[in-house]
Amino acid sequence: MTQDSTGTIRTAPTPDEELVALRRELRALTDHREISELVARLGRWLDGRCLGDADALFTPEAVAVTPGGTDEGRTRLVEQAQQHHAHYHRLQHSMAHLLVEQDGDRASGQANLTAVFVENDPPAVRVLAGDYRFGFVRTADGWRFSRIEIRPTWMSTASQVVLIPQPAGA
């Protein structure tokens, strides 16, 4: 037994209570890591022209609110993303400072966004910055996006672009 600063006598947690607390903390850390990886995979998916397994990113009824419009359903999200990214020569989506609030099998998150869009003809670059707002759901296959919202805060354009050659297969 110990006495805290208010004079209240406390007992130390039992080994079973400590184990339950450690399991809860491990689950929270694992969930945060999985959600962080999901956000990183979204950036790679967008940069890759939205090719690949969208099932590994979105719930079937996911909603996206972007400068390109609002769409609902995984198929429409993929179509919208492909339509708005296909004509760029290079893309780079960077998301940073992810904050996640979890409530059981649901979570919400927010991250800073910087997206660079490079056009080839005519050469130009556009930079879009803002916030991403996310809704996440734990499914039988892991965490998935249930909602994505982009809130742009600024954009810049330039007509001088220097493209760096990429190694084969990059």
N, C-alpha and C. Protein backbone atom coordinates (compact mmCIF):
# COMPACT_ATOMS: atom_id res chain seq x y z
N MET A 1 0.83 -1.18 0.00
CA MET A 1 0.00 0.00 0.00
C MET A 1 0.88 1.25 0.00
N THR A 2 0.35 2.26 -0.66
CA THR A 2 1.04 3.55 -0.68
C THR A 2 0.04 4.65 -0.38
N GLN A 3 0.54 5.77 0.07
CA GLN A 3 -0.32 6.92 0.36
C GLN A 3 0.07 8.04 -0.60
N ASP A 4 -0.94 8.58 -1.34
CA ASP A 4 -0.62 9.65 -2.27
C ASP A 4 -0.61 10.99 -1.54
N SER A 5 -0.39 12.08 -2.29
CA SER A 5 -0.23 13.41 -1.68
C SER A 5 -1.50 13.91 -1.01
N THR A 6 -2.66 13.33 -1.34
CA THR A 6 -3.92 13.76 -0.70
C THR A 6 -4.22 12.96 0.55
N GLY A 7 -3.37 11.98 0.86
CA GLY A 7 -3.59 11.15 2.03
C GLY A 7 -4.39 9.89 1.73
N THR A 8 -4.79 9.72 0.48
CA THR A 8 -5.55 8.53 0.10
C THR A 8 -4.61 7.33 0.03
N ILE A 9 -5.05 6.24 0.64
CA ILE A 9 -4.25 5.02 0.60
C ILE A 9 -4.63 4.24 -0.65
N ARG A 10 -3.62 3.88 -1.39
CA ARG A 10 -3.82 3.14 -2.64
C ARG A 10 -3.09 1.82 -2.57
N THR A 11 -3.66 0.85 -3.24
CA THR A 11 -2.97 -0.44 -3.34
C THR A 11 -2.35 -0.53 -4.72
N ALA A 12 -1.27 -1.22 -4.81
CA ALA A 12 -0.60 -1.41 -6.09
C ALA A 12 -1.47 -2.30 -6.97
N PRO A 13 -1.42 -2.09 -8.29
CA PRO A 13 -2.22 -2.94 -9.16
C PRO A 13 -1.74 -4.39 -9.07
N THR A 14 -2.69 -5.28 -9.23
CA THR A 14 -2.35 -6.71 -9.23
C THR A 14 -1.66 -7.04 -10.55
N PRO A 15 -0.96 -8.16 -10.60
CA PRO A 15 -0.36 -8.56 -11.88
C PRO A 15 -1.39 -8.68 -12.99
N ASP A 16 -2.59 -9.17 -12.67
CA ASP A 16 -3.64 -9.29 -13.70
C ASP A 16 -4.08 -7.91 -14.20
N GLU A 17 -4.21 -6.95 -13.29
CA GLU A 17 -4.58 -5.58 -13.69
C GLU A 17 -3.48 -4.96 -14.54
N GLU A 18 -2.23 -5.18 -14.19
CA GLU A 18 -1.11 -4.67 -14.99
C GLU A 18 -1.12 -5.28 -16.38
N LEU A 19 -1.40 -6.59 -16.46
CA LEU A 19 -1.44 -7.28 -17.75
C LEU A 19 -2.57 -6.72 -18.62
N VAL A 20 -3.72 -6.49 -18.05
CA VAL A 20 -4.84 -5.91 -18.80
C VAL A 20 -4.46 -4.52 -19.30
N ALA A 21 -3.85 -3.72 -18.45
CA ALA A 21 -3.43 -2.36 -18.85
C ALA A 21 -2.39 -2.42 -19.96
N LEU A 22 -1.44 -3.33 -19.86
CA LEU A 22 -0.41 -3.46 -20.90
C LEU A 22 -1.02 -3.91 -22.22
N ARG A 23 -1.96 -4.84 -22.18
CA ARG A 23 -2.63 -5.29 -23.41
C ARG A 23 -3.39 -4.14 -24.06
N ARG A 24 -4.07 -3.33 -23.25
CA ARG A 24 -4.81 -2.18 -23.77
C ARG A 24 -3.85 -1.19 -24.43
N GLU A 25 -2.73 -0.93 -23.78
CA GLU A 25 -1.74 0.00 -24.34
C GLU A 25 -1.12 -0.56 -25.62
N LEU A 26 -0.83 -1.85 -25.64
CA LEU A 26 -0.26 -2.48 -26.84
C LEU A 26 -1.25 -2.40 -28.00
N ARG A 27 -2.54 -2.63 -27.74
CA ARG A 27 -3.57 -2.54 -28.78
C ARG A 27 -3.63 -1.11 -29.33
N ALA A 28 -3.58 -0.11 -28.45
CA ALA A 28 -3.64 1.29 -28.88
C ALA A 28 -2.42 1.63 -29.75
N LEU A 29 -1.24 1.18 -29.34
CA LEU A 29 -0.03 1.45 -30.13
C LEU A 29 -0.08 0.74 -31.48
N THR A 30 -0.54 -0.49 -31.48
CA THR A 30 -0.65 -1.25 -32.73
C THR A 30 -1.66 -0.59 -33.67
N ASP A 31 -2.80 -0.17 -33.12
CA ASP A 31 -3.81 0.50 -33.95
C ASP A 31 -3.24 1.79 -34.55
N HIS A 32 -2.52 2.57 -33.75
CA HIS A 32 -1.96 3.82 -34.26
C HIS A 32 -0.95 3.55 -35.37
N ARG A 33 -0.12 2.54 -35.20
CA ARG A 33 0.85 2.19 -36.24
C ARG A 33 0.13 1.77 -37.52
N GLU A 34 -0.90 0.94 -37.40
CA GLU A 34 -1.63 0.47 -38.57
C GLU A 34 -2.33 1.63 -39.29
N ILE A 35 -2.91 2.54 -38.53
CA ILE A 35 -3.56 3.70 -39.13
C ILE A 35 -2.53 4.60 -39.81
N SER A 36 -1.38 4.80 -39.18
CA SER A 36 -0.31 5.61 -39.78
C SER A 36 0.16 5.00 -41.09
N GLU A 37 0.29 3.68 -41.13
CA GLU A 37 0.70 3.00 -42.36
C GLU A 37 -0.38 3.12 -43.43
N LEU A 38 -1.64 3.09 -43.03
CA LEU A 38 -2.74 3.26 -43.98
C LEU A 38 -2.66 4.64 -44.64
N VAL A 39 -2.40 5.67 -43.85
CA VAL A 39 -2.26 7.03 -44.39
C VAL A 39 -1.07 7.09 -45.35
N ALA A 40 0.04 6.48 -45.00
CA ALA A 40 1.21 6.46 -45.89
C ALA A 40 0.89 5.72 -47.19
N ARG A 41 0.15 4.61 -47.09
CA ARG A 41 -0.22 3.86 -48.30
C ARG A 41 -1.14 4.68 -49.20
N LEU A 42 -1.99 5.53 -48.61
CA LEU A 42 -2.84 6.41 -49.42
C LEU A 42 -1.98 7.34 -50.28
N GLY A 43 -0.96 7.95 -49.68
CA GLY A 43 -0.07 8.82 -50.45
C GLY A 43 0.61 8.08 -51.59
N ARG A 44 1.11 6.89 -51.31
CA ARG A 44 1.76 6.09 -52.36
C ARG A 44 0.78 5.70 -53.46
N TRP A 45 -0.44 5.37 -53.05
CA TRP A 45 -1.47 4.98 -54.01
C TRP A 45 -1.80 6.15 -54.93
N LEU A 46 -1.98 7.34 -54.36
CA LEU A 46 -2.26 8.52 -55.17
C LEU A 46 -1.09 8.83 -56.11
N ASP A 47 0.13 8.75 -55.60
CA ASP A 47 1.31 9.03 -56.43
C ASP A 47 1.47 8.02 -57.55
N GLY A 48 0.98 6.82 -57.35
CA GLY A 48 1.05 5.75 -58.36
C GLY A 48 -0.12 5.77 -59.31
N ARG A 49 -0.82 6.87 -59.41
CA ARG A 49 -1.96 7.06 -60.32
C ARG A 49 -3.16 6.20 -59.92
N CYS A 50 -3.26 5.92 -58.63
CA CYS A 50 -4.44 5.25 -58.07
C CYS A 50 -4.63 3.85 -58.64
N LEU A 51 -3.52 3.20 -58.89
CA LEU A 51 -3.57 1.82 -59.34
C LEU A 51 -3.27 0.92 -58.15
N GLY A 52 -3.79 -0.25 -58.16
CA GLY A 52 -3.55 -1.16 -57.05
C GLY A 52 -4.83 -1.41 -56.28
N ASP A 53 -4.68 -2.03 -55.16
CA ASP A 53 -5.81 -2.56 -54.40
C ASP A 53 -6.49 -1.49 -53.55
N ALA A 54 -7.54 -0.89 -54.07
CA ALA A 54 -8.30 0.10 -53.31
C ALA A 54 -9.04 -0.56 -52.15
N ASP A 55 -9.31 -1.87 -52.25
CA ASP A 55 -9.97 -2.59 -51.15
C ASP A 55 -9.12 -2.54 -49.88
N ALA A 56 -7.81 -2.43 -50.04
CA ALA A 56 -6.90 -2.37 -48.89
C ALA A 56 -6.85 -0.98 -48.27
N LEU A 57 -7.53 -0.01 -48.89
CA LEU A 57 -7.54 1.37 -48.39
C LEU A 57 -8.91 1.82 -47.88
N PHE A 58 -9.97 1.51 -48.63
CA PHE A 58 -11.27 2.11 -48.38
C PHE A 58 -12.33 1.08 -48.03
N THR A 59 -13.27 1.50 -47.19
CA THR A 59 -14.47 0.69 -46.98
C THR A 59 -15.32 0.80 -48.25
N PRO A 60 -16.22 -0.16 -48.49
CA PRO A 60 -17.05 -0.09 -49.70
C PRO A 60 -17.89 1.19 -49.78
N GLU A 61 -18.28 1.75 -48.65
CA GLU A 61 -19.14 2.94 -48.65
C GLU A 61 -18.38 4.22 -48.31
N ALA A 62 -17.08 4.22 -48.46
CA ALA A 62 -16.26 5.39 -48.10
C ALA A 62 -16.69 6.64 -48.86
N VAL A 63 -16.47 7.79 -48.22
CA VAL A 63 -16.81 9.09 -48.79
C VAL A 63 -15.54 9.92 -48.92
N ALA A 64 -15.41 10.64 -50.04
CA ALA A 64 -14.28 11.56 -50.23
C ALA A 64 -14.83 12.94 -50.58
N VAL A 65 -14.32 13.94 -49.88
CA VAL A 65 -14.65 15.33 -50.16
C VAL A 65 -13.33 16.01 -50.50
N THR A 66 -13.15 16.32 -51.79
CA THR A 66 -11.88 16.86 -52.27
C THR A 66 -12.16 18.06 -53.19
N PRO A 67 -11.11 18.80 -53.58
CA PRO A 67 -11.33 19.87 -54.55
C PRO A 67 -11.93 19.34 -55.86
N GLY A 68 -11.80 18.04 -56.13
CA GLY A 68 -12.37 17.45 -57.33
C GLY A 68 -13.85 17.11 -57.20
N GLY A 69 -14.40 17.25 -55.99
CA GLY A 69 -15.81 16.95 -55.79
C GLY A 69 -16.03 16.01 -54.61
N THR A 70 -17.27 15.65 -54.41
CA THR A 70 -17.65 14.72 -53.35
C THR A 70 -18.15 13.44 -53.99
N ASP A 71 -17.63 12.33 -53.54
CA ASP A 71 -18.06 11.03 -54.07
C ASP A 71 -18.22 10.05 -52.93
N GLU A 72 -19.08 9.06 -53.17
CA GLU A 72 -19.34 8.03 -52.17
C GLU A 72 -19.22 6.66 -52.83
N GLY A 73 -18.61 5.75 -52.11
CA GLY A 73 -18.42 4.39 -52.60
C GLY A 73 -17.03 4.22 -53.17
N ARG A 74 -16.44 3.08 -52.84
CA ARG A 74 -15.05 2.82 -53.24
C ARG A 74 -14.82 3.01 -54.74
N THR A 75 -15.73 2.50 -55.55
CA THR A 75 -15.56 2.60 -57.01
C THR A 75 -15.51 4.05 -57.46
N ARG A 76 -16.41 4.89 -56.95
CA ARG A 76 -16.43 6.31 -57.32
C ARG A 76 -15.18 7.04 -56.82
N LEU A 77 -14.70 6.68 -55.63
CA LEU A 77 -13.48 7.31 -55.10
C LEU A 77 -12.30 7.03 -56.03
N VAL A 78 -12.19 5.79 -56.46
CA VAL A 78 -11.09 5.40 -57.35
C VAL A 78 -11.22 6.16 -58.68
N GLU A 79 -12.41 6.19 -59.24
CA GLU A 79 -12.62 6.89 -60.51
C GLU A 79 -12.27 8.37 -60.39
N GLN A 80 -12.72 9.00 -59.30
CA GLN A 80 -12.44 10.42 -59.12
C GLN A 80 -10.93 10.66 -59.00
N ALA A 81 -10.26 9.86 -58.19
CA ALA A 81 -8.82 10.04 -57.99
C ALA A 81 -8.07 9.82 -59.31
N GLN A 82 -8.44 8.78 -60.05
CA GLN A 82 -7.76 8.53 -61.33
C GLN A 82 -8.00 9.67 -62.31
N GLN A 83 -9.24 10.15 -62.38
CA GLN A 83 -9.57 11.23 -63.30
C GLN A 83 -8.76 12.49 -63.00
N HIS A 84 -8.56 12.79 -61.73
CA HIS A 84 -7.90 14.05 -61.36
C HIS A 84 -6.38 13.93 -61.23
N HIS A 85 -5.83 12.72 -61.37
CA HIS A 85 -4.38 12.55 -61.25
C HIS A 85 -3.73 12.01 -62.53
N ALA A 86 -4.50 11.47 -63.45
CA ALA A 86 -3.96 10.76 -64.60
C ALA A 86 -3.07 11.61 -65.50
N HIS A 87 -3.40 12.88 -65.69
CA HIS A 87 -2.68 13.69 -66.68
C HIS A 87 -1.38 14.30 -66.16
N TYR A 88 -1.07 14.13 -64.90
CA TYR A 88 0.17 14.70 -64.36
C TYR A 88 1.36 13.80 -64.67
N HIS A 89 2.47 14.44 -64.95
CA HIS A 89 3.69 13.69 -65.25
C HIS A 89 4.26 13.07 -63.98
N ARG A 90 4.24 13.82 -62.90
CA ARG A 90 4.70 13.31 -61.61
C ARG A 90 3.81 13.87 -60.51
N LEU A 91 3.69 13.09 -59.45
CA LEU A 91 2.88 13.47 -58.29
C LEU A 91 3.65 13.15 -57.03
N GLN A 92 3.41 13.92 -55.99
CA GLN A 92 3.98 13.59 -54.69
C GLN A 92 3.06 14.14 -53.60
N HIS A 93 2.44 13.22 -52.88
CA HIS A 93 1.58 13.58 -51.76
C HIS A 93 2.33 13.29 -50.47
N SER A 94 2.48 14.30 -49.65
CA SER A 94 3.15 14.14 -48.35
C SER A 94 2.18 14.50 -47.25
N MET A 95 2.04 13.58 -46.31
CA MET A 95 1.16 13.82 -45.16
C MET A 95 2.01 13.73 -43.90
N ALA A 96 1.85 14.71 -43.03
CA ALA A 96 2.68 14.77 -41.83
C ALA A 96 1.85 15.18 -40.62
N HIS A 97 2.42 14.92 -39.47
CA HIS A 97 1.82 15.33 -38.20
C HIS A 97 0.43 14.72 -38.01
N LEU A 98 0.35 13.41 -38.25
CA LEU A 98 -0.91 12.70 -38.09
C LEU A 98 -1.31 12.63 -36.62
N LEU A 99 -2.53 13.07 -36.34
CA LEU A 99 -3.12 12.95 -35.01
C LEU A 99 -4.33 12.04 -35.14
N VAL A 100 -4.46 11.08 -34.24
CA VAL A 100 -5.55 10.11 -34.30
C VAL A 100 -6.27 10.07 -32.97
N GLU A 101 -7.58 10.07 -33.04
CA GLU A 101 -8.43 9.89 -31.87
C GLU A 101 -9.22 8.62 -32.10
N GLN A 102 -9.05 7.66 -31.25
CA GLN A 102 -9.67 6.36 -31.44
C GLN A 102 -10.79 6.14 -30.43
N ASP A 103 -11.86 5.51 -30.92
CA ASP A 103 -12.99 5.12 -30.08
C ASP A 103 -13.39 3.72 -30.50
N GLY A 104 -12.76 2.72 -29.89
CA GLY A 104 -13.05 1.33 -30.24
C GLY A 104 -12.62 1.02 -31.65
N ASP A 105 -13.59 0.56 -32.47
CA ASP A 105 -13.30 0.17 -33.84
C ASP A 105 -13.46 1.32 -34.84
N ARG A 106 -13.57 2.53 -34.34
CA ARG A 106 -13.65 3.71 -35.19
C ARG A 106 -12.60 4.71 -34.71
N ALA A 107 -12.15 5.53 -35.64
CA ALA A 107 -11.17 6.55 -35.29
C ALA A 107 -11.33 7.72 -36.25
N SER A 108 -10.85 8.86 -35.82
CA SER A 108 -10.78 10.03 -36.69
C SER A 108 -9.35 10.53 -36.65
N GLY A 109 -8.96 11.21 -37.69
CA GLY A 109 -7.60 11.70 -37.73
C GLY A 109 -7.49 12.96 -38.55
N GLN A 110 -6.35 13.61 -38.38
CA GLN A 110 -6.06 14.82 -39.11
C GLN A 110 -4.56 14.83 -39.41
N ALA A 111 -4.20 15.29 -40.60
CA ALA A 111 -2.79 15.39 -40.97
C ALA A 111 -2.60 16.61 -41.88
N ASN A 112 -1.41 17.16 -41.87
CA ASN A 112 -1.06 18.21 -42.81
C ASN A 112 -0.80 17.56 -44.17
N LEU A 113 -1.17 18.26 -45.23
CA LEU A 113 -0.99 17.76 -46.59
C LEU A 113 -0.19 18.76 -47.40
N THR A 114 0.79 18.26 -48.14
CA THR A 114 1.45 19.01 -49.20
C THR A 114 1.45 18.09 -50.41
N ALA A 115 0.82 18.52 -51.49
CA ALA A 115 0.74 17.72 -52.70
C ALA A 115 1.35 18.51 -53.85
N VAL A 116 2.25 17.86 -54.59
CA VAL A 116 2.93 18.50 -55.72
C VAL A 116 2.48 17.79 -56.99
N PHE A 117 2.05 18.58 -57.97
CA PHE A 117 1.56 18.07 -59.24
C PHE A 117 2.42 18.67 -60.35
N VAL A 118 3.09 17.82 -61.12
CA VAL A 118 3.98 18.29 -62.18
C VAL A 118 3.36 17.94 -63.53
N GLU A 119 3.20 18.98 -64.36
CA GLU A 119 2.68 18.78 -65.71
C GLU A 119 3.84 18.83 -66.69
N ASN A 120 3.70 18.08 -67.78
CA ASN A 120 4.76 17.99 -68.76
C ASN A 120 4.58 18.96 -69.91
N ASP A 121 3.34 19.13 -70.37
CA ASP A 121 3.10 19.93 -71.56
C ASP A 121 1.89 20.82 -71.35
N PRO A 122 2.08 22.09 -71.10
CA PRO A 122 3.35 22.79 -70.93
C PRO A 122 3.93 22.50 -69.55
N PRO A 123 5.25 22.63 -69.41
CA PRO A 123 5.88 22.37 -68.10
C PRO A 123 5.33 23.31 -67.04
N ALA A 124 4.87 22.76 -65.97
CA ALA A 124 4.34 23.56 -64.87
C ALA A 124 4.29 22.70 -63.62
N VAL A 125 4.28 23.36 -62.50
CA VAL A 125 4.15 22.66 -61.23
C VAL A 125 3.10 23.39 -60.39
N ARG A 126 2.31 22.62 -59.71
CA ARG A 126 1.30 23.18 -58.81
C ARG A 126 1.50 22.52 -57.46
N VAL A 127 1.49 23.31 -56.41
CA VAL A 127 1.62 22.81 -55.05
C VAL A 127 0.34 23.16 -54.31
N LEU A 128 -0.25 22.17 -53.72
CA LEU A 128 -1.46 22.35 -52.93
C LEU A 128 -1.15 21.96 -51.49
N ALA A 129 -1.52 22.81 -50.55
CA ALA A 129 -1.30 22.49 -49.14
C ALA A 129 -2.60 22.68 -48.38
N GLY A 130 -2.72 21.92 -47.31
CA GLY A 130 -3.92 22.03 -46.50
C GLY A 130 -3.95 20.94 -45.44
N ASP A 131 -5.14 20.59 -45.05
CA ASP A 131 -5.35 19.56 -44.04
C ASP A 131 -6.13 18.41 -44.64
N TYR A 132 -5.77 17.23 -44.21
CA TYR A 132 -6.57 16.04 -44.46
C TYR A 132 -7.35 15.76 -43.20
N ARG A 133 -8.61 15.40 -43.33
CA ARG A 133 -9.43 14.91 -42.23
C ARG A 133 -9.85 13.50 -42.61
N PHE A 134 -9.68 12.57 -41.70
CA PHE A 134 -9.94 11.16 -41.99
C PHE A 134 -10.95 10.57 -41.03
N GLY A 135 -11.71 9.61 -41.53
CA GLY A 135 -12.49 8.70 -40.71
C GLY A 135 -11.96 7.31 -40.98
N PHE A 136 -11.77 6.52 -39.95
CA PHE A 136 -11.23 5.17 -40.08
C PHE A 136 -12.19 4.18 -39.43
N VAL A 137 -12.23 2.97 -39.96
CA VAL A 137 -13.02 1.88 -39.39
C VAL A 137 -12.15 0.64 -39.36
N ARG A 138 -12.19 -0.09 -38.24
CA ARG A 138 -11.50 -1.37 -38.18
C ARG A 138 -12.42 -2.41 -38.83
N THR A 139 -11.90 -3.10 -39.82
CA THR A 139 -12.65 -4.16 -40.49
C THR A 139 -11.99 -5.49 -40.16
N ALA A 140 -12.56 -6.56 -40.66
CA ALA A 140 -11.97 -7.89 -40.46
C ALA A 140 -10.59 -7.98 -41.10
N ASP A 141 -10.34 -7.11 -42.09
CA ASP A 141 -9.05 -7.11 -42.80
C ASP A 141 -8.12 -6.00 -42.35
N GLY A 142 -8.47 -5.29 -41.30
CA GLY A 142 -7.64 -4.20 -40.79
C GLY A 142 -8.33 -2.86 -40.93
N TRP A 143 -7.61 -1.80 -40.60
CA TRP A 143 -8.16 -0.45 -40.65
C TRP A 143 -8.33 -0.01 -42.10
N ARG A 144 -9.43 0.70 -42.36
CA ARG A 144 -9.72 1.24 -43.68
C ARG A 144 -10.26 2.67 -43.52
N PHE A 145 -10.13 3.46 -44.58
CA PHE A 145 -10.72 4.79 -44.60
C PHE A 145 -12.22 4.67 -44.80
N SER A 146 -12.99 5.36 -43.97
CA SER A 146 -14.43 5.48 -44.20
C SER A 146 -14.75 6.88 -44.75
N ARG A 147 -13.82 7.81 -44.54
CA ARG A 147 -14.01 9.18 -45.01
C ARG A 147 -12.65 9.85 -45.18
N ILE A 148 -12.55 10.62 -46.26
CA ILE A 148 -11.37 11.44 -46.51
C ILE A 148 -11.88 12.81 -46.93
N GLU A 149 -11.34 13.83 -46.30
CA GLU A 149 -11.72 15.19 -46.66
C GLU A 149 -10.45 16.03 -46.76
N ILE A 150 -10.33 16.76 -47.84
CA ILE A 150 -9.19 17.67 -48.02
C ILE A 150 -9.71 19.09 -47.82
N ARG A 151 -9.02 19.83 -46.97
CA ARG A 151 -9.34 21.24 -46.75
C ARG A 151 -8.14 22.07 -47.18
N PRO A 152 -8.14 22.51 -48.45
CA PRO A 152 -6.99 23.29 -48.95
C PRO A 152 -6.85 24.61 -48.20
N THR A 153 -5.60 25.02 -47.98
CA THR A 153 -5.36 26.31 -47.34
C THR A 153 -4.55 27.25 -48.24
N TRP A 154 -3.74 26.70 -49.15
CA TRP A 154 -3.05 27.54 -50.11
C TRP A 154 -2.60 26.71 -51.29
N MET A 155 -2.31 27.41 -52.40
CA MET A 155 -1.83 26.76 -53.61
C MET A 155 -0.84 27.69 -54.29
N SER A 156 0.14 27.11 -54.95
CA SER A 156 1.14 27.88 -55.67
C SER A 156 1.35 27.22 -57.02
N THR A 157 1.63 28.03 -58.03
CA THR A 157 1.93 27.51 -59.36
C THR A 157 3.22 28.14 -59.87
N ALA A 158 3.91 27.41 -60.71
CA ALA A 158 5.14 27.92 -61.33
C ALA A 158 5.28 27.28 -62.71
N SER A 159 5.89 28.01 -63.62
CA SER A 159 6.05 27.48 -64.98
C SER A 159 7.43 26.92 -65.24
N GLN A 160 8.35 27.08 -64.32
CA GLN A 160 9.68 26.50 -64.52
C GLN A 160 9.78 25.22 -63.72
N VAL A 161 10.02 24.14 -64.45
CA VAL A 161 10.13 22.83 -63.83
C VAL A 161 11.37 22.15 -64.35
N VAL A 162 12.19 21.61 -63.48
CA VAL A 162 13.34 20.81 -63.88
C VAL A 162 13.07 19.39 -63.44
N LEU A 163 12.87 18.51 -64.41
CA LEU A 163 12.61 17.11 -64.08
C LEU A 163 13.92 16.36 -63.96
N ILE A 164 14.08 15.63 -62.88
CA ILE A 164 15.27 14.83 -62.65
C ILE A 164 15.01 13.43 -63.19
N PRO A 165 15.88 12.93 -64.07
CA PRO A 165 15.66 11.59 -64.61
C PRO A 165 15.56 10.55 -63.49
N GLN A 166 14.66 9.62 -63.67
CA GLN A 166 14.45 8.57 -62.68
C GLN A 166 15.11 7.29 -63.19
N PRO A 167 15.71 6.53 -62.28
CA PRO A 167 16.29 5.25 -62.69
C PRO A 167 15.21 4.30 -63.21
N ALA A 168 15.59 3.43 -64.09
CA ALA A 168 14.64 2.46 -64.64
C ALA A 168 14.00 1.67 -63.52
N GLY A 169 12.68 1.50 -63.63
CA GLY A 169 11.96 0.72 -62.64
C GLY A 169 11.57 1.50 -61.40
N ALA A 170 11.87 2.78 -61.34
CA ALA A 170 11.54 3.58 -60.13
C ALA A 170 10.12 4.07 -60.19
